[in-house]
Amino acid sequence: MNKDISSMLKQFVREKKLPIKISGESMQPLIRSGEKVIIVSANALKPGDIICAKGSCGIMVHRIIRRLKNQRFLVKGDNNFIGDPILSNKDVIGKVIAIRSGKIRINTMPWRFANRMIALFSYLQLAVYAGFMAKSSSGDKFSKQFKNAVVMISNPFLFIVHILHKQ
């Protein structure tokens, strides 16, 4: 990603709210491809927050699932099994406060709670995936065990998203 574009976006977000059209399926079912999200300047970030950041493959919108030392974050798309490379605070362009062009505000109390729970389930999902990858020796055996474990962990996550997405 061009460093100048990232810097310009960061500066714009400091001054105003920035609508961004999402492409891709990594944040489904919460944020669908083609929807717009509203980005604002990010101050104190915590697990559950959805951020717009400069990643290894360009600009991305993903969820913080773990806060690490030295202003670094473990982030992951809700619909991805694996996490992204660790990001630092300087990679963050802004924080998503609304989806569907502002129709669903995710900075309200029910959404903050749901986002924290989703981050927890995503972190557990990542841990289960890593555990199965480390212990797996057979592709077929791995696939069945992994699918069952992910479904078990993902169901509460999907239920929370489904309920709050209906607002």
C-alpha atoms as a PDB file:
ATOM      1  CA  MET A   1       0.000   0.000   0.000  1.00  0.00           C
ATOM      2  CA  ASN A   2       1.290   3.435  -0.917  1.00  0.00           C
ATOM      3  CA  LYS A   3       2.468   5.123   2.283  1.00  0.00           C
ATOM      4  CA  ASP A   4       1.183   8.522   1.080  1.00  0.00           C
ATOM      5  CA  ILE A   5      -2.381   7.245   0.660  1.00  0.00           C
ATOM      6  CA  SER A   6      -2.356   5.715   4.135  1.00  0.00           C
ATOM      7  CA  SER A   7      -1.050   8.976   5.639  1.00  0.00           C
ATOM      8  CA  MET A   8      -3.659  11.020   3.766  1.00  0.00           C
ATOM      9  CA  LEU A   9      -6.471   8.755   5.014  1.00  0.00           C
ATOM     10  CA  LYS A  10      -5.183   8.990   8.583  1.00  0.00           C
ATOM     11  CA  GLN A  11      -5.085  12.790   8.378  1.00  0.00           C
ATOM     12  CA  PHE A  12      -8.595  12.942   6.898  1.00  0.00           C
ATOM     13  CA  VAL A  13      -9.991  10.708   9.656  1.00  0.00           C
ATOM     14  CA  ARG A  14      -8.513  13.034  12.304  1.00  0.00           C
ATOM     15  CA  GLU A  15     -10.553  15.893  10.887  1.00  0.00           C
ATOM     16  CA  LYS A  16     -13.815  14.222   9.810  1.00  0.00           C
ATOM     17  CA  LYS A  17     -15.785  11.007   9.622  1.00  0.00           C
ATOM     18  CA  LEU A  18     -14.742   8.938   6.637  1.00  0.00           C
ATOM     19  CA  PRO A  19     -17.188   6.613   4.828  1.00  0.00           C
ATOM     20  CA  ILE A  20     -15.465   3.612   3.248  1.00  0.00           C
ATOM     21  CA  LYS A  21     -17.075   1.045   0.968  1.00  0.00           C
ATOM     22  CA  ILE A  22     -16.069  -2.489   1.957  1.00  0.00           C
ATOM     23  CA  SER A  23     -15.033  -5.121  -0.543  1.00  0.00           C
ATOM     24  CA  GLY A  24     -14.437  -8.700   0.488  1.00  0.00           C
ATOM     25  CA  GLU A  25     -16.002 -11.234   2.800  1.00  0.00           C
ATOM     26  CA  SER A  26     -13.585 -11.248   5.746  1.00  0.00           C
ATOM     27  CA  MET A  27     -15.962  -9.422   8.126  1.00  0.00           C
ATOM     28  CA  GLN A  28     -19.163 -11.257   7.225  1.00  0.00           C
ATOM     29  CA  PRO A  29     -21.824 -11.671   8.535  1.00  0.00           C
ATOM     30  CA  LEU A  30     -21.526  -8.323  10.340  1.00  0.00           C
ATOM     31  CA  ILE A  31     -20.123  -6.269   7.469  1.00  0.00           C
ATOM     32  CA  ARG A  32     -20.963  -7.459   3.979  1.00  0.00           C
ATOM     33  CA  SER A  33     -19.136  -6.686   0.770  1.00  0.00           C
ATOM     34  CA  GLY A  34     -20.494  -3.478  -0.750  1.00  0.00           C
ATOM     35  CA  GLU A  35     -21.629  -1.949   2.554  1.00  0.00           C
ATOM     36  CA  LYS A  36     -20.248   1.355   3.769  1.00  0.00           C
ATOM     37  CA  VAL A  37     -18.697   1.826   7.182  1.00  0.00           C
ATOM     38  CA  ILE A  38     -17.964   5.091   8.997  1.00  0.00           C
ATOM     39  CA  ILE A  39     -14.395   5.542  10.257  1.00  0.00           C
ATOM     40  CA  VAL A  40     -13.305   8.069  12.916  1.00  0.00           C
ATOM     41  CA  SER A  41      -9.999   8.825  14.590  1.00  0.00           C
ATOM     42  CA  ALA A  42      -8.987   6.019  16.955  1.00  0.00           C
ATOM     43  CA  ASN A  43      -7.942   6.887  20.489  1.00  0.00           C
ATOM     44  CA  ALA A  44      -7.910   4.085  23.055  1.00  0.00           C
ATOM     45  CA  LEU A  45      -8.299   0.793  21.185  1.00  0.00           C
ATOM     46  CA  LYS A  46      -9.334  -2.436  22.853  1.00  0.00           C
ATOM     47  CA  PRO A  47     -10.358  -5.985  21.925  1.00  0.00           C
ATOM     48  CA  GLY A  48     -13.629  -5.964  20.023  1.00  0.00           C
ATOM     49  CA  ASP A  49     -12.979  -2.679  18.243  1.00  0.00           C
ATOM     50  CA  ILE A  50     -13.194  -2.850  14.469  1.00  0.00           C
ATOM     51  CA  ILE A  51     -10.418  -0.853  12.864  1.00  0.00           C
ATOM     52  CA  CYS A  52      -9.356   0.347   9.472  1.00  0.00           C
ATOM     53  CA  ALA A  53      -5.628  -0.251   9.145  1.00  0.00           C
ATOM     54  CA  LYS A  54      -2.755  -0.504   6.745  1.00  0.00           C
ATOM     55  CA  GLY A  55      -2.003  -4.226   6.471  1.00  0.00           C
ATOM     56  CA  SER A  56       0.442  -6.262   4.429  1.00  0.00           C
ATOM     57  CA  CYS A  57      -2.050  -6.505   1.542  1.00  0.00           C
ATOM     58  CA  GLY A  58      -3.328  -2.907   1.647  1.00  0.00           C
ATOM     59  CA  ILE A  59      -6.062  -1.155   3.604  1.00  0.00           C
ATOM     60  CA  MET A  60      -8.257  -3.523   5.619  1.00  0.00           C
ATOM     61  CA  VAL A  61     -11.141  -3.433   8.069  1.00  0.00           C
ATOM     62  CA  HIS A  62     -10.752  -6.127  10.748  1.00  0.00           C
ATOM     63  CA  ARG A  63     -11.444  -6.675  14.442  1.00  0.00           C
ATOM     64  CA  ILE A  64      -8.923  -6.381  17.262  1.00  0.00           C
ATOM     65  CA  ILE A  65      -9.057  -9.728  19.059  1.00  0.00           C
ATOM     66  CA  ARG A  66      -6.135  -9.202  21.417  1.00  0.00           C
ATOM     67  CA  ARG A  67      -4.194  -6.194  22.656  1.00  0.00           C
ATOM     68  CA  LEU A  68      -0.467  -6.896  22.949  1.00  0.00           C
ATOM     69  CA  LYS A  69       2.375  -4.978  24.588  1.00  0.00           C
ATOM     70  CA  ASN A  70       3.850  -1.811  23.066  1.00  0.00           C
ATOM     71  CA  GLN A  71       0.691  -0.595  21.299  1.00  0.00           C
ATOM     72  CA  ARG A  72       0.435  -3.693  19.102  1.00  0.00           C
ATOM     73  CA  PHE A  73      -2.684  -5.651  18.189  1.00  0.00           C
ATOM     74  CA  LEU A  74      -3.680  -9.094  17.006  1.00  0.00           C
ATOM     75  CA  VAL A  75      -6.436  -8.575  14.431  1.00  0.00           C
ATOM     76  CA  LYS A  76      -8.613 -10.950  12.441  1.00  0.00           C
ATOM     77  CA  GLY A  77     -11.505 -10.824  10.046  1.00  0.00           C
ATOM     78  CA  ASP A  78     -14.618 -12.328  11.653  1.00  0.00           C
ATOM     79  CA  ASN A  79     -15.004 -14.706   8.712  1.00  0.00           C
ATOM     80  CA  ASN A  80     -11.324 -15.783   8.656  1.00  0.00           C
ATOM     81  CA  PHE A  81      -9.862 -18.802  10.460  1.00  0.00           C
ATOM     82  CA  ILE A  82      -6.420 -17.282  10.846  1.00  0.00           C
ATOM     83  CA  GLY A  83      -5.284 -13.926  12.194  1.00  0.00           C
ATOM     84  CA  ASP A  84      -3.440 -11.207  10.332  1.00  0.00           C
ATOM     85  CA  PRO A  85       0.163 -10.200  10.958  1.00  0.00           C
ATOM     86  CA  ILE A  86       0.448  -8.191  14.174  1.00  0.00           C
ATOM     87  CA  LEU A  87      -0.280  -4.486  13.686  1.00  0.00           C
ATOM     88  CA  SER A  88       1.133  -1.540  15.569  1.00  0.00           C
ATOM     89  CA  ASN A  89      -0.681   1.621  16.560  1.00  0.00           C
ATOM     90  CA  LYS A  90       0.962   3.481  13.661  1.00  0.00           C
ATOM     91  CA  ASP A  91      -0.750   1.098  11.181  1.00  0.00           C
ATOM     92  CA  VAL A  92      -4.224   2.059  12.429  1.00  0.00           C
ATOM     93  CA  ILE A  93      -6.029   4.615  10.265  1.00  0.00           C
ATOM     94  CA  GLY A  94      -9.208   4.797  12.326  1.00  0.00           C
ATOM     95  CA  LYS A  95     -11.976   2.989  14.170  1.00  0.00           C
ATOM     96  CA  VAL A  96     -15.298   1.854  12.673  1.00  0.00           C
ATOM     97  CA  ILE A  97     -18.233   3.391  14.551  1.00  0.00           C
ATOM     98  CA  ALA A  98     -21.081   2.524  12.186  1.00  0.00           C
ATOM     99  CA  ILE A  99     -21.997   0.164   9.399  1.00  0.00           C
ATOM    100  CA  ARG A 100     -24.527   0.409   6.592  1.00  0.00           C
ATOM    101  CA  SER A 101     -23.627   4.072   6.082  1.00  0.00           C
ATOM    102  CA  GLY A 102     -24.443   4.891   9.706  1.00  0.00           C
ATOM    103  CA  LYS A 103     -27.713   2.961  10.070  1.00  0.00           C
ATOM    104  CA  ILE A 104     -26.178   0.599  12.630  1.00  0.00           C
ATOM    105  CA  ARG A 105     -24.038   2.401  15.211  1.00  0.00           C
ATOM    106  CA  ILE A 106     -21.623  -0.077  16.774  1.00  0.00           C
ATOM    107  CA  ASN A 107     -20.333   2.325  19.423  1.00  0.00           C
ATOM    108  CA  THR A 108     -23.437   1.871  21.625  1.00  0.00           C
ATOM    109  CA  MET A 109     -23.447  -0.223  24.819  1.00  0.00           C
ATOM    110  CA  PRO A 110     -25.084  -3.397  23.389  1.00  0.00           C
ATOM    111  CA  TRP A 111     -22.695  -3.378  20.431  1.00  0.00           C
ATOM    112  CA  ARG A 112     -19.627  -2.726  22.598  1.00  0.00           C
ATOM    113  CA  PHE A 113     -20.534  -5.770  24.690  1.00  0.00           C
ATOM    114  CA  ALA A 114     -21.248  -7.876  21.588  1.00  0.00           C
ATOM    115  CA  ASN A 115     -17.985  -6.767  19.970  1.00  0.00           C
ATOM    116  CA  ARG A 116     -16.025  -7.817  23.071  1.00  0.00           C
ATOM    117  CA  MET A 117     -17.725 -11.232  23.025  1.00  0.00           C
ATOM    118  CA  ILE A 118     -17.079 -11.604  19.307  1.00  0.00           C
ATOM    119  CA  ALA A 119     -13.396 -10.787  19.899  1.00  0.00           C
ATOM    120  CA  LEU A 120     -13.243 -13.436  22.626  1.00  0.00           C
ATOM    121  CA  PHE A 121     -14.862 -16.080  20.399  1.00  0.00           C
ATOM    122  CA  SER A 122     -12.579 -15.103  17.514  1.00  0.00           C
ATOM    123  CA  TYR A 123      -9.529 -15.500  19.731  1.00  0.00           C
ATOM    124  CA  LEU A 124     -10.768 -18.926  20.889  1.00  0.00           C
ATOM    125  CA  GLN A 125     -11.467 -19.876  17.290  1.00  0.00           C
ATOM    126  CA  LEU A 126      -7.909 -18.875  16.366  1.00  0.00           C
ATOM    127  CA  ALA A 127      -6.512 -20.914  19.284  1.00  0.00           C
ATOM    128  CA  VAL A 128      -8.524 -23.989  18.271  1.00  0.00           C
ATOM    129  CA  TYR A 129      -7.336 -23.630  14.682  1.00  0.00           C
ATOM    130  CA  ALA A 130      -3.704 -23.321  15.762  1.00  0.00           C
ATOM    131  CA  GLY A 131      -4.062 -26.331  18.078  1.00  0.00           C
ATOM    132  CA  PHE A 132      -5.500 -28.522  15.361  1.00  0.00           C
ATOM    133  CA  MET A 133      -2.882 -27.370  12.868  1.00  0.00           C
ATOM    134  CA  ALA A 134      -0.125 -28.313  15.317  1.00  0.00           C
ATOM    135  CA  LYS A 135      -1.574 -31.763  16.138  1.00  0.00           C
ATOM    136  CA  SER A 136      -3.023 -32.723  12.771  1.00  0.00           C
ATOM    137  CA  SER A 137      -1.319 -35.352  10.683  1.00  0.00           C
ATOM    138  CA  SER A 138      -4.242 -36.463   8.522  1.00  0.00           C
ATOM    139  CA  GLY A 139      -6.129 -34.009   6.318  1.00  0.00           C
ATOM    140  CA  ASP A 140      -9.452 -35.902   6.521  1.00  0.00           C
ATOM    141  CA  LYS A 141      -9.285 -36.354  10.286  1.00  0.00           C
ATOM    142  CA  PHE A 142      -8.270 -32.712  10.687  1.00  0.00           C
ATOM    143  CA  SER A 143     -11.141 -31.441   8.549  1.00  0.00           C
ATOM    144  CA  LYS A 144     -13.857 -33.231  10.560  1.00  0.00           C
ATOM    145  CA  GLN A 145     -12.409 -32.344  13.985  1.00  0.00           C
ATOM    146  CA  PHE A 146     -11.721 -28.777  12.975  1.00  0.00           C
ATOM    147  CA  LYS A 147     -15.168 -28.226  11.477  1.00  0.00           C
ATOM    148  CA  ASN A 148     -16.889 -29.548  14.615  1.00  0.00           C
ATOM    149  CA  ALA A 149     -14.765 -27.411  16.935  1.00  0.00           C
ATOM    150  CA  VAL A 150     -15.203 -24.248  14.870  1.00  0.00           C
ATOM    151  CA  VAL A 151     -18.974 -24.731  14.662  1.00  0.00           C
ATOM    152  CA  MET A 152     -19.082 -25.165  18.435  1.00  0.00           C
ATOM    153  CA  ILE A 153     -17.156 -21.936  19.017  1.00  0.00           C
ATOM    154  CA  SER A 154     -18.741 -19.935  16.203  1.00  0.00           C
ATOM    155  CA  ASN A 155     -22.399 -20.567  17.067  1.00  0.00           C
ATOM    156  CA  PRO A 156     -22.549 -18.098  19.999  1.00  0.00           C
ATOM    157  CA  PHE A 157     -20.625 -15.600  17.883  1.00  0.00           C
ATOM    158  CA  LEU A 158     -23.038 -15.927  14.959  1.00  0.00           C
ATOM    159  CA  PHE A 159     -26.046 -15.741  17.274  1.00  0.00           C
ATOM    160  CA  ILE A 160     -24.875 -12.420  18.770  1.00  0.00           C
ATOM    161  CA  VAL A 161     -24.200 -10.943  15.339  1.00  0.00           C
ATOM    162  CA  HIS A 162     -27.541 -12.153  13.972  1.00  0.00           C
ATOM    163  CA  ILE A 163     -29.536 -10.627  16.856  1.00  0.00           C
ATOM    164  CA  LEU A 164     -27.770  -7.255  16.779  1.00  0.00           C
ATOM    165  CA  HIS A 165     -27.717  -7.045  12.980  1.00  0.00           C
ATOM    166  CA  LYS A 166     -31.540  -6.974  13.036  1.00  0.00           C
ATOM    167  CA  GLN A 167     -31.624  -3.577  14.862  1.00  0.00           C
END
